[in-house]
């Protein structure tokens, strides 16, 4: 099992966009993304704060994306 690497919100946003998600809206410092082709996938919210995302939040995002840790680290 690979370790979950702590990354910044900007890096997470780039990786999520590689999976086919697009920005729908931004409220304050939170960006909302939806999948471009598959409307059945969950919408993702990423807080754009000036620090790394927490492990719990990253795990929640990965569950919503239906992506494993290994796949996410390779992006």
PDB file of N, CA and C in Angstrom:
ATOM      1  N   UNK A   1       0.838  -1.175   0.000  1.00  0.00           N
ATOM      2  CA  UNK A   1       0.000   0.000   0.000  1.00  0.00           C
ATOM      3  C   UNK A   1       0.885   1.241   0.000  1.00  0.00           C
ATOM      4  N   UNK A   2       0.636   2.130  -0.940  1.00  0.00           N
ATOM      5  CA  UNK A   2       1.396   3.369  -1.008  1.00  0.00           C
ATOM      6  C   UNK A   2       0.918   4.349   0.046  1.00  0.00           C
ATOM      7  N   UNK A   3       1.832   5.220   0.429  1.00  0.00           N
ATOM      8  CA  UNK A   3       1.514   6.245   1.397  1.00  0.00           C
ATOM      9  C   UNK A   3       0.844   7.418   0.699  1.00  0.00           C
ATOM     10  N   UNK A   4      -0.065   8.044   1.396  1.00  0.00           N
ATOM     11  CA  UNK A   4      -0.722   9.226   0.872  1.00  0.00           C
ATOM     12  C   UNK A   4       0.220  10.407   1.052  1.00  0.00           C
ATOM     13  N   UNK A   5       0.601  11.024  -0.047  1.00  0.00           N
ATOM     14  CA  UNK A   5       1.535  12.140  -0.026  1.00  0.00           C
ATOM     15  C   UNK A   5       0.764  13.433   0.203  1.00  0.00           C
ATOM     16  N   UNK A   6       1.211  14.234   1.165  1.00  0.00           N
ATOM     17  CA  UNK A   6       0.580  15.527   1.393  1.00  0.00           C
ATOM     18  C   UNK A   6       0.940  16.471   0.259  1.00  0.00           C
ATOM     19  N   UNK A   7      -0.064  17.113  -0.307  1.00  0.00           N
ATOM     20  CA  UNK A   7       0.157  18.034  -1.414  1.00  0.00           C
ATOM     21  C   UNK A   7      -0.622  19.317  -1.157  1.00  0.00           C
ATOM     22  N   UNK A   8      -0.260  20.344  -1.894  1.00  0.00           N
ATOM     23  CA  UNK A   8      -0.963  21.617  -1.772  1.00  0.00           C
ATOM     24  C   UNK A   8      -2.282  21.545  -2.547  1.00  0.00           C
ATOM     25  N   UNK A   9      -3.113  22.511  -2.318  1.00  0.00           N
ATOM     26  CA  UNK A   9      -4.404  22.565  -2.997  1.00  0.00           C
ATOM     27  C   UNK A   9      -4.215  22.776  -4.507  1.00  0.00           C
ATOM     28  N   UNK A  10      -3.198  23.548  -4.898  1.00  0.00           N
ATOM     29  CA  UNK A  10      -2.942  23.775  -6.324  1.00  0.00           C
ATOM     30  C   UNK A  10      -2.561  22.484  -7.031  1.00  0.00           C
ATOM     31  N   UNK A  11      -1.721  21.671  -6.387  1.00  0.00           N
ATOM     32  CA  UNK A  11      -1.322  20.394  -6.971  1.00  0.00           C
ATOM     33  C   UNK A  11      -2.522  19.458  -7.074  1.00  0.00           C
ATOM     34  N   UNK A  12      -3.364  19.427  -6.041  1.00  0.00           N
ATOM     35  CA  UNK A  12      -4.552  18.579  -6.054  1.00  0.00           C
ATOM     36  C   UNK A  12      -5.497  19.015  -7.170  1.00  0.00           C
ATOM     37  N   UNK A  13      -5.647  20.314  -7.361  1.00  0.00           N
ATOM     38  CA  UNK A  13      -6.512  20.840  -8.415  1.00  0.00           C
ATOM     39  C   UNK A  13      -6.023  20.391  -9.788  1.00  0.00           C
ATOM     40  N   UNK A  14      -4.713  20.440 -10.019  1.00  0.00           N
ATOM     41  CA  UNK A  14      -4.148  19.999 -11.295  1.00  0.00           C
ATOM     42  C   UNK A  14      -4.417  18.515 -11.537  1.00  0.00           C
ATOM     43  N   UNK A  15      -4.250  17.695 -10.489  1.00  0.00           N
ATOM     44  CA  UNK A  15      -4.460  16.257 -10.632  1.00  0.00           C
ATOM     45  C   UNK A  15      -5.922  15.926 -10.881  1.00  0.00           C
ATOM     46  N   UNK A  16      -6.818  16.632 -10.205  1.00  0.00           N
ATOM     47  CA  UNK A  16      -8.245  16.379 -10.388  1.00  0.00           C
ATOM     48  C   UNK A  16      -8.671  16.786 -11.803  1.00  0.00           C
ATOM     49  N   UNK A  17      -8.109  17.867 -12.309  1.00  0.00           N
ATOM     50  CA  UNK A  17      -8.425  18.296 -13.680  1.00  0.00           C
ATOM     51  C   UNK A  17      -7.935  17.277 -14.707  1.00  0.00           C
ATOM     52  N   UNK A  18      -6.833  16.586 -14.431  1.00  0.00           N
ATOM     53  CA  UNK A  18      -6.336  15.552 -15.336  1.00  0.00           C
ATOM     54  C   UNK A  18      -7.315  14.382 -15.443  1.00  0.00           C
ATOM     55  N   UNK A  19      -8.146  14.210 -14.410  1.00  0.00           N
ATOM     56  CA  UNK A  19      -9.129  13.126 -14.405  1.00  0.00           C
ATOM     57  C   UNK A  19     -10.416  13.501 -15.142  1.00  0.00           C
ATOM     58  N   UNK A  20     -10.466  14.699 -15.708  1.00  0.00           N
ATOM     59  CA  UNK A  20     -11.623  15.098 -16.498  1.00  0.00           C
ATOM     60  C   UNK A  20     -12.589  16.023 -15.792  1.00  0.00           C
ATOM     61  N   UNK A  21     -12.212  16.571 -14.657  1.00  0.00           N
ATOM     62  CA  UNK A  21     -13.076  17.489 -13.924  1.00  0.00           C
ATOM     63  C   UNK A  21     -12.811  18.919 -14.384  1.00  0.00           C
ATOM     64  N   UNK A  22     -13.863  19.746 -14.350  1.00  0.00           N
ATOM     65  CA  UNK A  22     -13.733  21.157 -14.714  1.00  0.00           C
ATOM     66  C   UNK A  22     -14.285  22.013 -13.577  1.00  0.00           C
ATOM     67  N   UNK A  23     -13.783  23.235 -13.502  1.00  0.00           N
ATOM     68  CA  UNK A  23     -14.259  24.168 -12.474  1.00  0.00           C
ATOM     69  C   UNK A  23     -15.652  24.644 -12.850  1.00  0.00           C
ATOM     70  N   UNK A  24     -16.562  24.551 -11.882  1.00  0.00           N
ATOM     71  CA  UNK A  24     -17.928  24.993 -12.106  1.00  0.00           C
ATOM     72  C   UNK A  24     -18.136  26.367 -11.485  1.00  0.00           C
ATOM     73  N   UNK A  25     -17.647  26.525 -10.256  1.00  0.00           N
ATOM     74  CA  UNK A  25     -17.791  27.810  -9.578  1.00  0.00           C
ATOM     75  C   UNK A  25     -16.780  27.906  -8.445  1.00  0.00           C
ATOM     76  N   UNK A  26     -16.642  29.124  -7.930  1.00  0.00           N
ATOM     77  CA  UNK A  26     -15.785  29.356  -6.780  1.00  0.00           C
ATOM     78  C   UNK A  26     -16.512  30.291  -5.830  1.00  0.00           C
ATOM     79  N   UNK A  27     -16.583  29.886  -4.577  1.00  0.00           N
ATOM     80  CA  UNK A  27     -17.177  30.715  -3.533  1.00  0.00           C
ATOM     81  C   UNK A  27     -16.090  30.932  -2.493  1.00  0.00           C
ATOM     82  N   UNK A  28     -15.613  32.155  -2.395  1.00  0.00           N
ATOM     83  CA  UNK A  28     -14.513  32.442  -1.475  1.00  0.00           C
ATOM     84  C   UNK A  28     -13.270  31.707  -1.915  1.00  0.00           C
ATOM     85  N   UNK A  29     -12.726  30.864  -1.029  1.00  0.00           N
ATOM     86  CA  UNK A  29     -11.500  30.146  -1.357  1.00  0.00           C
ATOM     87  C   UNK A  29     -11.762  28.677  -1.700  1.00  0.00           C
ATOM     88  N   UNK A  30     -13.018  28.307  -1.925  1.00  0.00           N
ATOM     89  CA  UNK A  30     -13.365  26.926  -2.240  1.00  0.00           C
ATOM     90  C   UNK A  30     -13.786  26.799  -3.707  1.00  0.00           C
ATOM     91  N   UNK A  31     -13.136  25.882  -4.415  1.00  0.00           N
ATOM     92  CA  UNK A  31     -13.431  25.657  -5.831  1.00  0.00           C
ATOM     93  C   UNK A  31     -14.252  24.385  -5.961  1.00  0.00           C
ATOM     94  N   UNK A  32     -15.335  24.454  -6.699  1.00  0.00           N
ATOM     95  CA  UNK A  32     -16.227  23.317  -6.938  1.00  0.00           C
ATOM     96  C   UNK A  32     -15.966  22.799  -8.344  1.00  0.00           C
ATOM     97  N   UNK A  33     -15.775  21.478  -8.460  1.00  0.00           N
ATOM     98  CA  UNK A  33     -15.484  20.855  -9.747  1.00  0.00           C
ATOM     99  C   UNK A  33     -16.485  19.741 -10.025  1.00  0.00           C
ATOM    100  N   UNK A  34     -16.836  19.583 -11.310  1.00  0.00           N
ATOM    101  CA  UNK A  34     -17.694  18.484 -11.754  1.00  0.00           C
ATOM    102  C   UNK A  34     -17.005  17.784 -12.907  1.00  0.00           C
ATOM    103  N   UNK A  35     -17.361  16.520 -13.107  1.00  0.00           N
ATOM    104  CA  UNK A  35     -16.756  15.747 -14.183  1.00  0.00           C
ATOM    105  C   UNK A  35     -17.309  16.234 -15.517  1.00  0.00           C
ATOM    106  N   UNK A  36     -16.445  16.329 -16.520  1.00  0.00           N
ATOM    107  CA  UNK A  36     -16.805  16.883 -17.816  1.00  0.00           C
ATOM    108  C   UNK A  36     -17.759  15.970 -18.583  1.00  0.00           C
ATOM    109  N   UNK A  37     -17.488  14.661 -18.601  1.00  0.00           N
ATOM    110  CA  UNK A  37     -18.281  13.750 -19.421  1.00  0.00           C
ATOM    111  C   UNK A  37     -19.296  12.942 -18.620  1.00  0.00           C
ATOM    112  N   UNK A  38     -18.895  12.412 -17.473  1.00  0.00           N
ATOM    113  CA  UNK A  38     -19.743  11.522 -16.691  1.00  0.00           C
ATOM    114  C   UNK A  38     -20.480  12.324 -15.617  1.00  0.00           C
ATOM    115  N   UNK A  39     -21.745  12.609 -15.864  1.00  0.00           N
ATOM    116  CA  UNK A  39     -22.535  13.425 -14.935  1.00  0.00           C
ATOM    117  C   UNK A  39     -22.918  12.660 -13.673  1.00  0.00           C
ATOM    118  N   UNK A  40     -22.730  11.331 -13.649  1.00  0.00           N
ATOM    119  CA  UNK A  40     -23.057  10.537 -12.470  1.00  0.00           C
ATOM    120  C   UNK A  40     -21.986  10.597 -11.394  1.00  0.00           C
ATOM    121  N   UNK A  41     -20.798  11.112 -11.714  1.00  0.00           N
ATOM    122  CA  UNK A  41     -19.734  11.224 -10.721  1.00  0.00           C
ATOM    123  C   UNK A  41     -20.036  12.375  -9.768  1.00  0.00           C
ATOM    124  N   UNK A  42     -19.535  12.240  -8.546  1.00  0.00           N
ATOM    125  CA  UNK A  42     -19.760  13.259  -7.527  1.00  0.00           C
ATOM    126  C   UNK A  42     -18.996  14.541  -7.843  1.00  0.00           C
ATOM    127  N   UNK A  43     -19.551  15.649  -7.400  1.00  0.00           N
ATOM    128  CA  UNK A  43     -18.857  16.931  -7.494  1.00  0.00           C
ATOM    129  C   UNK A  43     -17.821  16.989  -6.376  1.00  0.00           C
ATOM    130  N   UNK A  44     -16.710  17.663  -6.636  1.00  0.00           N
ATOM    131  CA  UNK A  44     -15.590  17.752  -5.701  1.00  0.00           C
ATOM    132  C   UNK A  44     -15.402  19.218  -5.303  1.00  0.00           C
ATOM    133  N   UNK A  45     -15.129  19.448  -4.033  1.00  0.00           N
ATOM    134  CA  UNK A  45     -14.797  20.789  -3.547  1.00  0.00           C
ATOM    135  C   UNK A  45     -13.386  20.765  -2.981  1.00  0.00           C
ATOM    136  N   UNK A  46     -12.558  21.698  -3.448  1.00  0.00           N
ATOM    137  CA  UNK A  46     -11.180  21.796  -2.969  1.00  0.00           C
ATOM    138  C   UNK A  46     -10.980  23.174  -2.349  1.00  0.00           C
ATOM    139  N   UNK A  47     -10.589  23.234  -1.071  1.00  0.00           N
ATOM    140  CA  UNK A  47     -10.305  24.527  -0.444  1.00  0.00           C
ATOM    141  C   UNK A  47      -8.930  25.032  -0.875  1.00  0.00           C
ATOM    142  N   UNK A  48      -8.874  26.225  -1.403  1.00  0.00           N
ATOM    143  CA  UNK A  48      -7.622  26.796  -1.901  1.00  0.00           C
ATOM    144  C   UNK A  48      -6.985  27.673  -0.823  1.00  0.00           C
ATOM    145  N   UNK A  49      -6.519  27.039   0.245  1.00  0.00           N
ATOM    146  CA  UNK A  49      -5.848  27.744   1.327  1.00  0.00           C
ATOM    147  C   UNK A  49      -4.340  27.672   1.094  1.00  0.00           C
ATOM    148  N   UNK A  50      -3.576  28.422   1.851  1.00  0.00           N
ATOM    149  CA  UNK A  50      -2.130  28.503   1.651  1.00  0.00           C
ATOM    150  C   UNK A  50      -1.367  27.451   2.442  1.00  0.00           C
ATOM    151  N   UNK A  51      -1.909  26.236   2.518  1.00  0.00           N
ATOM    152  CA  UNK A  51      -1.215  25.162   3.209  1.00  0.00           C
ATOM    153  C   UNK A  51      -1.586  23.837   2.553  1.00  0.00           C
ATOM    154  N   UNK A  52      -0.887  22.780   2.948  1.00  0.00           N
ATOM    155  CA  UNK A  52      -1.181  21.460   2.402  1.00  0.00           C
ATOM    156  C   UNK A  52      -2.556  20.991   2.860  1.00  0.00           C
ATOM    157  N   UNK A  53      -3.180  20.179   2.015  1.00  0.00           N
ATOM    158  CA  UNK A  53      -4.457  19.581   2.391  1.00  0.00           C
ATOM    159  C   UNK A  53      -4.205  18.478   3.418  1.00  0.00           C
ATOM    160  N   UNK A  54      -5.097  18.323   4.343  1.00  0.00           N
ATOM    161  CA  UNK A  54      -4.954  17.296   5.370  1.00  0.00           C
ATOM    162  C   UNK A  54      -5.176  15.905   4.797  1.00  0.00           C
ATOM    163  N   UNK A  55      -4.653  14.907   5.492  1.00  0.00           N
ATOM    164  CA  UNK A  55      -4.791  13.520   5.030  1.00  0.00           C
ATOM    165  C   UNK A  55      -6.253  13.084   4.957  1.00  0.00           C
ATOM    166  N   UNK A  56      -7.039  13.472   5.954  1.00  0.00           N
ATOM    167  CA  UNK A  56      -8.448  13.099   5.963  1.00  0.00           C
ATOM    168  C   UNK A  56      -9.202  13.685   4.789  1.00  0.00           C
ATOM    169  N   UNK A  57      -8.935  14.947   4.480  1.00  0.00           N
ATOM    170  CA  UNK A  57      -9.586  15.600   3.345  1.00  0.00           C
ATOM    171  C   UNK A  57      -9.155  14.963   2.033  1.00  0.00           C
ATOM    172  N   UNK A  58      -7.860  14.645   1.894  1.00  0.00           N
ATOM    173  CA  UNK A  58      -7.386  13.981   0.681  1.00  0.00           C
ATOM    174  C   UNK A  58      -8.039  12.617   0.510  1.00  0.00           C
ATOM    175  N   UNK A  59      -8.165  11.868   1.588  1.00  0.00           N
ATOM    176  CA  UNK A  59      -8.824  10.557   1.512  1.00  0.00           C
ATOM    177  C   UNK A  59     -10.283  10.703   1.087  1.00  0.00           C
ATOM    178  N   UNK A  60     -10.974  11.719   1.587  1.00  0.00           N
ATOM    179  CA  UNK A  60     -12.362  11.975   1.212  1.00  0.00           C
ATOM    180  C   UNK A  60     -12.459  12.325  -0.265  1.00  0.00           C
ATOM    181  N   UNK A  61     -11.555  13.149  -0.744  1.00  0.00           N
ATOM    182  CA  UNK A  61     -11.543  13.523  -2.162  1.00  0.00           C
ATOM    183  C   UNK A  61     -11.291  12.291  -3.023  1.00  0.00           C
ATOM    184  N   UNK A  62     -10.354  11.439  -2.620  1.00  0.00           N
ATOM    185  CA  UNK A  62     -10.056  10.224  -3.382  1.00  0.00           C
ATOM    186  C   UNK A  62     -11.249   9.272  -3.401  1.00  0.00           C
ATOM    187  N   UNK A  63     -11.963   9.160  -2.290  1.00  0.00           N
ATOM    188  CA  UNK A  63     -13.162   8.318  -2.255  1.00  0.00           C
ATOM    189  C   UNK A  63     -14.216   8.861  -3.219  1.00  0.00           C
ATOM    190  N   UNK A  64     -14.410  10.173  -3.216  1.00  0.00           N
ATOM    191  CA  UNK A  64     -15.391  10.788  -4.113  1.00  0.00           C
ATOM    192  C   UNK A  64     -14.981  10.649  -5.579  1.00  0.00           C
ATOM    193  N   UNK A  65     -13.675  10.688  -5.840  1.00  0.00           N
ATOM    194  CA  UNK A  65     -13.176  10.524  -7.210  1.00  0.00           C
ATOM    195  C   UNK A  65     -13.192   9.066  -7.650  1.00  0.00           C
ATOM    196  N   UNK A  66     -13.280   8.149  -6.696  1.00  0.00           N
ATOM    197  CA  UNK A  66     -13.198   6.707  -6.947  1.00  0.00           C
ATOM    198  C   UNK A  66     -11.843   6.362  -7.574  1.00  0.00           C
ATOM    199  N   UNK A  67     -10.777   6.878  -6.943  1.00  0.00           N
ATOM    200  CA  UNK A  67      -9.405   6.686  -7.402  1.00  0.00           C
ATOM    201  C   UNK A  67      -8.585   6.162  -6.220  1.00  0.00           C
ATOM    202  N   UNK A  68      -7.661   5.249  -6.496  1.00  0.00           N
ATOM    203  CA  UNK A  68      -6.804   4.736  -5.429  1.00  0.00           C
ATOM    204  C   UNK A  68      -5.653   5.722  -5.158  1.00  0.00           C
ATOM    205  N   UNK A  69      -4.995   5.501  -4.030  1.00  0.00           N
ATOM    206  CA  UNK A  69      -3.863   6.350  -3.658  1.00  0.00           C
ATOM    207  C   UNK A  69      -2.758   6.249  -4.694  1.00  0.00           C
ATOM    208  N   UNK A  70      -2.495   5.021  -5.169  1.00  0.00           N
ATOM    209  CA  UNK A  70      -1.442   4.807  -6.161  1.00  0.00           C
ATOM    210  C   UNK A  70      -1.731   5.556  -7.453  1.00  0.00           C
ATOM    211  N   UNK A  71      -2.980   5.473  -7.919  1.00  0.00           N
ATOM    212  CA  UNK A  71      -3.357   6.176  -9.153  1.00  0.00           C
ATOM    213  C   UNK A  71      -3.231   7.681  -8.989  1.00  0.00           C
ATOM    214  N   UNK A  72      -3.634   8.204  -7.834  1.00  0.00           N
ATOM    215  CA  UNK A  72      -3.581   9.642  -7.601  1.00  0.00           C
ATOM    216  C   UNK A  72      -2.134  10.127  -7.523  1.00  0.00           C
ATOM    217  N   UNK A  73      -1.264   9.351  -6.887  1.00  0.00           N
ATOM    218  CA  UNK A  73       0.138   9.753  -6.773  1.00  0.00           C
ATOM    219  C   UNK A  73       0.838   9.736  -8.120  1.00  0.00           C
ATOM    220  N   UNK A  74       0.392   8.871  -9.045  1.00  0.00           N
ATOM    221  CA  UNK A  74       1.022   8.791 -10.364  1.00  0.00           C
ATOM    222  C   UNK A  74       0.650   9.943 -11.290  1.00  0.00           C
ATOM    223  N   UNK A  75      -0.479  10.625 -11.017  1.00  0.00           N
ATOM    224  CA  UNK A  75      -0.926  11.708 -11.909  1.00  0.00           C
ATOM    225  C   UNK A  75       0.045  12.860 -11.943  1.00  0.00           C
TER     226      UNK A  75
END
